[in-house]
Amino acid sequence: MTLTLTEKRARALADAQKIVDDAADRDLTDGEKADVDGLLTDVRDLDEKIAACAEDEARLAALKSLKPTPVPPPAGVPAASGLGDHFVDHVKDRLAGVAGSRFALAAPDWTKDSTPTVTTGLERTQYGGVVTLPLERPTIADLLLSGTVTGNSWTYFQEGPV
């Protein structure tokens, strides 16, 4: 269980108070004084961290209260219908300015329906094909490339720095 800063502060303060209460009928020893001083230093450090967290929370609240202003599209420019049209609109002026340009600009629009579906061993997700479990554990033979084996030796391919 992770303690919050205020819980850590309360625990350190209680530990310091317990040391002082245990020595109520006598003077504190040097070790007890050092322990109390260390705990009070921890309490002061935690107070600074708690104050910094309160300031950060105020910043976040101010940031959340701000609303983004929508940016209107440039006047006279039609919105692209897909990613391919957006690419063509973006590069056509640069390619048209090239001397001797004979490019015909067109780009396919990739939609969800035009992507191929894979059904052998892969599960279709939004990120592409994902191999499902159980997977077979690789063996040494999977890691080595083809080589020759004789009665006394085993030749294999080994990569190294160039």
N, C-alpha and C. Protein backbone atom coordinates (compact mmCIF):
# COMPACT_ATOMS: atom_id res chain seq x y z
N MET A 1 0.85 -1.18 0.00
CA MET A 1 0.00 0.00 0.00
C MET A 1 0.89 1.24 0.00
N THR A 2 0.64 2.13 -0.91
CA THR A 2 1.40 3.36 -1.02
C THR A 2 0.71 4.45 -0.20
N LEU A 3 1.48 5.11 0.61
CA LEU A 3 0.93 6.19 1.43
C LEU A 3 0.95 7.50 0.65
N THR A 4 -0.05 8.33 0.90
CA THR A 4 -0.06 9.66 0.31
C THR A 4 0.89 10.55 1.09
N LEU A 5 1.15 11.72 0.54
CA LEU A 5 2.06 12.65 1.22
C LEU A 5 1.53 13.07 2.58
N THR A 6 0.23 13.30 2.68
CA THR A 6 -0.33 13.71 3.97
C THR A 6 -0.28 12.56 4.98
N GLU A 7 -0.45 11.31 4.50
CA GLU A 7 -0.33 10.17 5.41
C GLU A 7 1.11 9.99 5.89
N LYS A 8 2.08 10.19 4.97
CA LYS A 8 3.49 10.11 5.36
C LYS A 8 3.82 11.19 6.38
N ARG A 9 3.27 12.40 6.16
CA ARG A 9 3.53 13.50 7.09
C ARG A 9 2.95 13.18 8.46
N ALA A 10 1.72 12.67 8.48
CA ALA A 10 1.08 12.35 9.76
C ALA A 10 1.84 11.24 10.48
N ARG A 11 2.33 10.24 9.74
CA ARG A 11 3.09 9.15 10.37
C ARG A 11 4.41 9.67 10.95
N ALA A 12 5.12 10.51 10.19
CA ALA A 12 6.40 11.05 10.70
C ALA A 12 6.16 11.92 11.93
N LEU A 13 5.10 12.72 11.92
CA LEU A 13 4.79 13.57 13.07
C LEU A 13 4.40 12.73 14.28
N ALA A 14 3.65 11.66 14.05
CA ALA A 14 3.26 10.77 15.15
C ALA A 14 4.47 10.05 15.73
N ASP A 15 5.40 9.63 14.85
CA ASP A 15 6.62 8.96 15.33
C ASP A 15 7.46 9.91 16.18
N ALA A 16 7.58 11.17 15.75
CA ALA A 16 8.33 12.16 16.53
C ALA A 16 7.65 12.41 17.87
N GLN A 17 6.33 12.51 17.86
CA GLN A 17 5.60 12.76 19.11
C GLN A 17 5.74 11.57 20.06
N LYS A 18 5.76 10.34 19.52
CA LYS A 18 5.91 9.15 20.35
C LYS A 18 7.27 9.14 21.05
N ILE A 19 8.31 9.54 20.32
CA ILE A 19 9.65 9.60 20.92
C ILE A 19 9.67 10.61 22.06
N VAL A 20 9.04 11.76 21.84
CA VAL A 20 9.01 12.80 22.88
C VAL A 20 8.17 12.33 24.07
N ASP A 21 7.04 11.67 23.81
CA ASP A 21 6.18 11.19 24.90
C ASP A 21 6.87 10.10 25.72
N ASP A 22 7.65 9.22 25.06
CA ASP A 22 8.35 8.17 25.78
C ASP A 22 9.39 8.73 26.74
N ALA A 23 9.92 9.90 26.42
CA ALA A 23 10.94 10.52 27.26
C ALA A 23 10.37 11.68 28.07
N ALA A 24 9.10 11.58 28.45
CA ALA A 24 8.45 12.68 29.16
C ALA A 24 9.04 12.88 30.56
N ASP A 25 9.47 11.80 31.21
CA ASP A 25 9.97 11.93 32.57
C ASP A 25 11.50 11.98 32.65
N ARG A 26 12.16 12.11 31.48
CA ARG A 26 13.62 12.21 31.46
C ARG A 26 14.04 13.07 30.26
N ASP A 27 15.32 13.36 30.19
CA ASP A 27 15.85 14.13 29.06
C ASP A 27 16.00 13.20 27.85
N LEU A 28 15.87 13.78 26.67
CA LEU A 28 16.06 13.00 25.44
C LEU A 28 17.54 12.65 25.28
N THR A 29 17.81 11.46 24.83
CA THR A 29 19.19 11.07 24.54
C THR A 29 19.61 11.70 23.22
N ASP A 30 20.91 11.63 22.93
CA ASP A 30 21.41 12.19 21.67
C ASP A 30 20.80 11.46 20.48
N GLY A 31 20.63 10.16 20.58
CA GLY A 31 20.02 9.39 19.50
C GLY A 31 18.57 9.77 19.28
N GLU A 32 17.84 9.97 20.38
CA GLU A 32 16.43 10.37 20.27
C GLU A 32 16.31 11.77 19.68
N LYS A 33 17.22 12.67 20.10
CA LYS A 33 17.21 14.03 19.53
C LYS A 33 17.46 13.98 18.02
N ALA A 34 18.41 13.14 17.61
CA ALA A 34 18.71 13.03 16.17
C ALA A 34 17.51 12.44 15.43
N ASP A 35 16.84 11.45 16.03
CA ASP A 35 15.66 10.86 15.39
C ASP A 35 14.53 11.89 15.24
N VAL A 36 14.30 12.67 16.31
CA VAL A 36 13.24 13.68 16.26
C VAL A 36 13.59 14.75 15.22
N ASP A 37 14.84 15.19 15.19
CA ASP A 37 15.25 16.19 14.20
C ASP A 37 15.08 15.66 12.78
N GLY A 38 15.44 14.40 12.56
CA GLY A 38 15.26 13.81 11.24
C GLY A 38 13.79 13.73 10.83
N LEU A 39 12.95 13.34 11.80
CA LEU A 39 11.52 13.27 11.50
C LEU A 39 10.92 14.65 11.24
N LEU A 40 11.36 15.66 11.99
CA LEU A 40 10.86 17.02 11.76
C LEU A 40 11.33 17.55 10.40
N THR A 41 12.54 17.19 10.00
CA THR A 41 13.02 17.57 8.66
C THR A 41 12.17 16.91 7.59
N ASP A 42 11.81 15.64 7.82
CA ASP A 42 10.94 14.94 6.87
C ASP A 42 9.58 15.63 6.79
N VAL A 43 9.04 16.06 7.96
CA VAL A 43 7.74 16.74 7.98
C VAL A 43 7.82 18.04 7.18
N ARG A 44 8.89 18.81 7.35
CA ARG A 44 9.03 20.08 6.60
C ARG A 44 9.14 19.81 5.10
N ASP A 45 9.91 18.78 4.72
CA ASP A 45 10.03 18.44 3.29
C ASP A 45 8.68 18.02 2.71
N LEU A 46 7.94 17.24 3.48
CA LEU A 46 6.62 16.81 3.01
C LEU A 46 5.66 17.99 2.92
N ASP A 47 5.77 18.97 3.84
CA ASP A 47 4.94 20.17 3.75
C ASP A 47 5.22 20.92 2.45
N GLU A 48 6.50 21.00 2.05
CA GLU A 48 6.84 21.67 0.79
C GLU A 48 6.27 20.91 -0.41
N LYS A 49 6.35 19.59 -0.37
CA LYS A 49 5.81 18.78 -1.47
C LYS A 49 4.29 18.91 -1.56
N ILE A 50 3.63 18.94 -0.40
CA ILE A 50 2.17 19.09 -0.38
C ILE A 50 1.78 20.44 -0.95
N ALA A 51 2.51 21.49 -0.60
CA ALA A 51 2.22 22.82 -1.15
C ALA A 51 2.44 22.84 -2.66
N ALA A 52 3.51 22.18 -3.13
CA ALA A 52 3.77 22.13 -4.57
C ALA A 52 2.66 21.37 -5.29
N CYS A 53 2.16 20.30 -4.69
CA CYS A 53 1.05 19.55 -5.29
C CYS A 53 -0.21 20.40 -5.37
N ALA A 54 -0.46 21.19 -4.35
CA ALA A 54 -1.64 22.07 -4.36
C ALA A 54 -1.52 23.10 -5.49
N GLU A 55 -0.31 23.63 -5.69
CA GLU A 55 -0.11 24.58 -6.79
C GLU A 55 -0.30 23.89 -8.14
N ASP A 56 0.19 22.65 -8.28
CA ASP A 56 0.02 21.92 -9.53
C ASP A 56 -1.45 21.63 -9.81
N GLU A 57 -2.20 21.29 -8.77
CA GLU A 57 -3.63 21.05 -8.94
C GLU A 57 -4.35 22.32 -9.39
N ALA A 58 -3.93 23.47 -8.86
CA ALA A 58 -4.53 24.74 -9.28
C ALA A 58 -4.22 25.01 -10.75
N ARG A 59 -2.98 24.69 -11.18
CA ARG A 59 -2.62 24.88 -12.59
C ARG A 59 -3.47 23.98 -13.49
N LEU A 60 -3.62 22.74 -13.09
CA LEU A 60 -4.41 21.81 -13.89
C LEU A 60 -5.87 22.23 -13.96
N ALA A 61 -6.41 22.72 -12.85
CA ALA A 61 -7.79 23.19 -12.86
C ALA A 61 -7.95 24.39 -13.80
N ALA A 62 -6.95 25.29 -13.79
CA ALA A 62 -7.01 26.44 -14.69
C ALA A 62 -6.89 25.99 -16.14
N LEU A 63 -6.07 25.00 -16.40
CA LEU A 63 -5.90 24.49 -17.76
C LEU A 63 -7.17 23.81 -18.25
N LYS A 64 -7.82 23.04 -17.38
CA LYS A 64 -9.05 22.36 -17.77
C LYS A 64 -10.19 23.34 -18.03
N SER A 65 -10.14 24.50 -17.39
CA SER A 65 -11.22 25.47 -17.57
C SER A 65 -11.12 26.18 -18.92
N LEU A 66 -9.95 26.14 -19.55
CA LEU A 66 -9.78 26.79 -20.85
C LEU A 66 -10.39 25.93 -21.94
N LYS A 67 -11.07 26.53 -22.86
CA LYS A 67 -11.69 25.83 -23.98
C LYS A 67 -10.87 26.11 -25.23
N PRO A 68 -10.58 25.08 -26.04
CA PRO A 68 -9.83 25.34 -27.27
C PRO A 68 -10.69 26.11 -28.27
N THR A 69 -10.05 26.99 -29.00
CA THR A 69 -10.76 27.75 -30.01
C THR A 69 -10.64 27.00 -31.34
N PRO A 70 -11.74 26.72 -32.00
CA PRO A 70 -11.67 25.99 -33.26
C PRO A 70 -11.01 26.84 -34.35
N VAL A 71 -10.18 26.19 -35.16
CA VAL A 71 -9.49 26.87 -36.24
C VAL A 71 -10.29 26.61 -37.52
N PRO A 72 -10.80 27.67 -38.15
CA PRO A 72 -11.57 27.45 -39.37
C PRO A 72 -10.65 27.07 -40.51
N PRO A 73 -11.13 26.25 -41.47
CA PRO A 73 -10.30 25.91 -42.63
C PRO A 73 -10.06 27.15 -43.48
N PRO A 74 -8.94 27.17 -44.21
CA PRO A 74 -8.67 28.33 -45.07
C PRO A 74 -9.79 28.52 -46.10
N ALA A 75 -10.07 29.78 -46.41
CA ALA A 75 -11.14 30.09 -47.35
C ALA A 75 -10.76 29.64 -48.76
N GLY A 76 -11.69 29.06 -49.46
CA GLY A 76 -11.47 28.66 -50.84
C GLY A 76 -10.79 27.31 -51.00
N VAL A 77 -10.44 26.65 -49.92
CA VAL A 77 -9.79 25.34 -50.02
C VAL A 77 -10.81 24.29 -49.58
N PRO A 78 -11.19 23.38 -50.49
CA PRO A 78 -12.15 22.35 -50.10
C PRO A 78 -11.50 21.34 -49.16
N ALA A 79 -12.27 20.79 -48.29
CA ALA A 79 -11.76 19.80 -47.35
C ALA A 79 -11.45 18.51 -48.08
N ALA A 80 -10.35 17.87 -47.73
CA ALA A 80 -9.97 16.61 -48.37
C ALA A 80 -10.92 15.51 -47.90
N SER A 81 -11.28 14.63 -48.84
CA SER A 81 -12.22 13.57 -48.49
C SER A 81 -11.52 12.39 -47.83
N GLY A 82 -10.21 12.28 -47.97
CA GLY A 82 -9.50 11.17 -47.37
C GLY A 82 -8.02 11.48 -47.27
N LEU A 83 -7.25 10.52 -46.80
CA LEU A 83 -5.82 10.71 -46.62
C LEU A 83 -5.11 10.88 -47.95
N GLY A 84 -5.51 10.11 -48.97
CA GLY A 84 -4.89 10.23 -50.29
C GLY A 84 -5.11 11.60 -50.89
N ASP A 85 -6.33 12.12 -50.81
CA ASP A 85 -6.62 13.46 -51.33
C ASP A 85 -5.83 14.52 -50.56
N HIS A 86 -5.70 14.34 -49.27
CA HIS A 86 -4.94 15.29 -48.47
C HIS A 86 -3.48 15.31 -48.93
N PHE A 87 -2.89 14.14 -49.20
CA PHE A 87 -1.51 14.07 -49.67
C PHE A 87 -1.36 14.76 -51.02
N VAL A 88 -2.27 14.47 -51.93
CA VAL A 88 -2.19 15.08 -53.27
C VAL A 88 -2.31 16.60 -53.17
N ASP A 89 -3.23 17.08 -52.35
CA ASP A 89 -3.38 18.53 -52.18
C ASP A 89 -2.12 19.14 -51.59
N HIS A 90 -1.45 18.40 -50.75
CA HIS A 90 -0.26 18.92 -50.08
C HIS A 90 0.95 19.01 -51.01
N VAL A 91 1.14 18.06 -51.92
CA VAL A 91 2.36 18.02 -52.73
C VAL A 91 2.17 18.47 -54.17
N LYS A 92 0.95 18.69 -54.63
CA LYS A 92 0.77 18.96 -56.06
C LYS A 92 1.42 20.27 -56.50
N ASP A 93 1.40 21.29 -55.65
CA ASP A 93 2.03 22.56 -56.04
C ASP A 93 3.54 22.42 -56.14
N ARG A 94 4.15 21.65 -55.26
CA ARG A 94 5.60 21.46 -55.32
C ARG A 94 5.99 20.62 -56.54
N LEU A 95 5.24 19.59 -56.84
CA LEU A 95 5.58 18.74 -57.98
C LEU A 95 5.27 19.44 -59.31
N ALA A 96 4.26 20.28 -59.33
CA ALA A 96 3.93 20.99 -60.56
C ALA A 96 5.01 22.00 -60.91
N GLY A 97 5.74 22.50 -59.91
CA GLY A 97 6.78 23.49 -60.15
C GLY A 97 8.08 22.89 -60.65
N VAL A 98 8.22 21.58 -60.64
CA VAL A 98 9.45 20.94 -61.11
C VAL A 98 9.49 21.01 -62.63
N ALA A 99 10.64 21.46 -63.18
CA ALA A 99 10.76 21.59 -64.64
C ALA A 99 10.66 20.22 -65.29
N GLY A 100 9.88 20.14 -66.34
CA GLY A 100 9.72 18.88 -67.07
C GLY A 100 8.89 17.87 -66.31
N SER A 101 8.04 18.32 -65.43
CA SER A 101 7.23 17.41 -64.62
C SER A 101 6.17 16.75 -65.48
N ARG A 102 6.10 15.44 -65.41
CA ARG A 102 5.06 14.71 -66.13
C ARG A 102 4.31 13.80 -65.17
N PHE A 103 4.14 14.25 -63.96
CA PHE A 103 3.48 13.42 -62.95
C PHE A 103 1.97 13.58 -63.05
N ALA A 104 1.29 12.46 -62.97
CA ALA A 104 -0.16 12.47 -62.82
C ALA A 104 -0.41 12.19 -61.34
N LEU A 105 -0.98 13.14 -60.66
CA LEU A 105 -1.14 13.00 -59.22
C LEU A 105 -2.47 12.37 -58.88
N ALA A 106 -2.38 11.22 -58.24
CA ALA A 106 -3.55 10.53 -57.73
C ALA A 106 -3.09 9.65 -56.59
N ALA A 107 -3.91 9.47 -55.63
CA ALA A 107 -3.55 8.62 -54.50
C ALA A 107 -4.77 7.83 -54.07
N PRO A 108 -4.58 6.57 -53.78
CA PRO A 108 -5.73 5.77 -53.34
C PRO A 108 -6.14 6.16 -51.92
N ASP A 109 -7.40 6.06 -51.66
CA ASP A 109 -7.89 6.29 -50.31
C ASP A 109 -8.04 4.95 -49.63
N TRP A 110 -7.36 4.79 -48.52
CA TRP A 110 -7.41 3.53 -47.79
C TRP A 110 -8.51 3.61 -46.77
N THR A 111 -9.43 2.72 -46.89
CA THR A 111 -10.54 2.66 -45.94
C THR A 111 -10.50 1.32 -45.23
N LYS A 112 -11.29 1.19 -44.25
CA LYS A 112 -11.33 -0.06 -43.48
C LYS A 112 -11.76 -1.22 -44.37
N ASP A 113 -12.66 -0.97 -45.32
CA ASP A 113 -13.16 -2.04 -46.17
C ASP A 113 -12.13 -2.50 -47.19
N SER A 114 -11.15 -1.65 -47.53
CA SER A 114 -10.20 -2.02 -48.57
C SER A 114 -8.97 -2.73 -48.03
N THR A 115 -8.85 -2.88 -46.70
CA THR A 115 -7.70 -3.57 -46.15
C THR A 115 -7.95 -5.07 -46.17
N PRO A 116 -6.92 -5.84 -46.50
CA PRO A 116 -7.13 -7.29 -46.56
C PRO A 116 -7.31 -7.88 -45.17
N THR A 117 -8.06 -8.95 -45.09
CA THR A 117 -8.23 -9.62 -43.81
C THR A 117 -7.39 -10.88 -43.79
N VAL A 118 -6.71 -11.09 -42.70
CA VAL A 118 -5.85 -12.26 -42.55
C VAL A 118 -6.55 -13.22 -41.60
N THR A 119 -6.66 -14.46 -42.02
CA THR A 119 -7.40 -15.41 -41.19
C THR A 119 -6.56 -16.59 -40.72
N THR A 120 -5.30 -16.65 -41.09
CA THR A 120 -4.50 -17.82 -40.73
C THR A 120 -3.59 -17.49 -39.55
N GLY A 121 -3.97 -17.87 -38.34
CA GLY A 121 -3.13 -17.74 -37.18
C GLY A 121 -3.05 -16.35 -36.59
N LEU A 122 -3.67 -15.37 -37.21
CA LEU A 122 -3.61 -14.00 -36.71
C LEU A 122 -5.00 -13.54 -36.34
N GLU A 123 -5.07 -12.76 -35.30
CA GLU A 123 -6.33 -12.17 -34.90
C GLU A 123 -6.35 -10.74 -35.42
N ARG A 124 -7.45 -10.32 -35.98
CA ARG A 124 -7.54 -8.98 -36.55
C ARG A 124 -7.86 -7.98 -35.45
N THR A 125 -7.02 -6.95 -35.31
CA THR A 125 -7.27 -5.88 -34.35
C THR A 125 -7.11 -4.56 -35.07
N GLN A 126 -7.30 -3.46 -34.35
CA GLN A 126 -7.15 -2.16 -34.98
C GLN A 126 -5.70 -1.88 -35.31
N TYR A 127 -4.75 -2.61 -34.69
CA TYR A 127 -3.33 -2.39 -34.94
C TYR A 127 -2.77 -3.34 -35.98
N GLY A 128 -3.57 -4.19 -36.57
CA GLY A 128 -3.09 -5.15 -37.54
C GLY A 128 -3.22 -6.54 -36.99
N GLY A 129 -2.49 -7.48 -37.59
CA GLY A 129 -2.57 -8.85 -37.15
C GLY A 129 -1.79 -9.07 -35.88
N VAL A 130 -2.37 -9.78 -34.94
CA VAL A 130 -1.72 -10.08 -33.69
C VAL A 130 -1.71 -11.59 -33.53
N VAL A 131 -0.54 -12.14 -33.24
CA VAL A 131 -0.42 -13.58 -33.05
C VAL A 131 -1.04 -13.93 -31.71
N THR A 132 -1.90 -14.94 -31.72
CA THR A 132 -2.54 -15.35 -30.49
C THR A 132 -1.80 -16.52 -29.85
N LEU A 133 -2.04 -16.74 -28.59
CA LEU A 133 -1.41 -17.83 -27.86
C LEU A 133 -2.12 -19.13 -28.16
N PRO A 134 -1.57 -20.27 -28.04
CA PRO A 134 -0.25 -20.57 -27.52
C PRO A 134 0.81 -20.48 -28.60
N LEU A 135 1.97 -19.97 -28.24
CA LEU A 135 3.10 -19.89 -29.14
C LEU A 135 4.05 -21.04 -28.85
N GLU A 136 4.70 -21.53 -29.87
CA GLU A 136 5.68 -22.59 -29.65
C GLU A 136 7.00 -21.97 -29.23
N ARG A 137 7.63 -22.57 -28.24
CA ARG A 137 8.91 -22.08 -27.74
C ARG A 137 9.99 -22.34 -28.78
N PRO A 138 10.84 -21.35 -29.13
CA PRO A 138 11.90 -21.58 -30.11
C PRO A 138 12.95 -22.54 -29.56
N THR A 139 13.56 -23.27 -30.45
CA THR A 139 14.62 -24.20 -30.07
C THR A 139 15.94 -23.67 -30.61
N ILE A 140 17.03 -24.33 -30.26
CA ILE A 140 18.35 -23.93 -30.76
C ILE A 140 18.38 -24.02 -32.28
N ALA A 141 17.74 -25.03 -32.84
CA ALA A 141 17.72 -25.20 -34.29
C ALA A 141 17.03 -24.01 -34.97
N ASP A 142 16.07 -23.39 -34.32
CA ASP A 142 15.40 -22.22 -34.89
C ASP A 142 16.33 -21.01 -34.93
N LEU A 143 17.25 -20.94 -34.00
CA LEU A 143 18.14 -19.79 -33.90
C LEU A 143 19.35 -19.89 -34.83
N LEU A 144 19.73 -21.10 -35.21
CA LEU A 144 20.90 -21.30 -36.06
C LEU A 144 20.47 -21.44 -37.51
N LEU A 145 21.30 -20.92 -38.41
CA LEU A 145 21.03 -21.10 -39.83
C LEU A 145 21.54 -22.47 -40.25
N SER A 146 21.31 -22.81 -41.49
CA SER A 146 21.70 -24.13 -41.95
C SER A 146 23.21 -24.27 -41.93
N GLY A 147 23.71 -25.47 -41.65
CA GLY A 147 25.12 -25.76 -41.61
C GLY A 147 25.32 -27.24 -41.81
N THR A 148 26.51 -27.70 -41.57
CA THR A 148 26.78 -29.13 -41.74
C THR A 148 27.13 -29.74 -40.40
N VAL A 149 26.76 -31.00 -40.25
CA VAL A 149 27.05 -31.74 -39.03
C VAL A 149 27.78 -33.01 -39.43
N THR A 150 28.94 -33.26 -38.83
CA THR A 150 29.66 -34.52 -39.04
C THR A 150 29.74 -35.23 -37.70
N GLY A 151 30.46 -36.34 -37.68
CA GLY A 151 30.57 -37.09 -36.44
C GLY A 151 31.29 -36.33 -35.34
N ASN A 152 32.24 -35.45 -35.66
CA ASN A 152 33.05 -34.78 -34.65
C ASN A 152 32.78 -33.29 -34.56
N SER A 153 32.13 -32.71 -35.53
CA SER A 153 32.02 -31.25 -35.54
C SER A 153 30.62 -30.81 -35.94
N TRP A 154 30.42 -29.54 -35.67
CA TRP A 154 29.14 -28.93 -36.00
C TRP A 154 29.47 -27.55 -36.54
N THR A 155 29.20 -27.32 -37.81
CA THR A 155 29.49 -26.05 -38.45
C THR A 155 28.22 -25.22 -38.47
N TYR A 156 28.32 -23.98 -38.08
CA TYR A 156 27.15 -23.11 -38.07
C TYR A 156 27.57 -21.70 -38.45
N PHE A 157 26.59 -20.90 -38.84
CA PHE A 157 26.81 -19.52 -39.25
C PHE A 157 26.84 -18.64 -38.00
N GLN A 158 27.82 -17.76 -37.90
CA GLN A 158 27.93 -16.86 -36.76
C GLN A 158 28.14 -15.44 -37.28
N GLU A 159 27.27 -14.52 -36.84
CA GLU A 159 27.42 -13.13 -37.22
C GLU A 159 28.29 -12.42 -36.21
N GLY A 160 29.05 -11.45 -36.69
CA GLY A 160 29.90 -10.69 -35.80
C GLY A 160 30.03 -9.26 -36.29
N PRO A 161 30.69 -8.41 -35.53
CA PRO A 161 30.84 -7.02 -35.96
C PRO A 161 31.75 -6.93 -37.19
N VAL A 162 31.48 -5.96 -38.04
CA VAL A 162 32.25 -5.80 -39.26
C VAL A 162 33.45 -4.93 -38.98
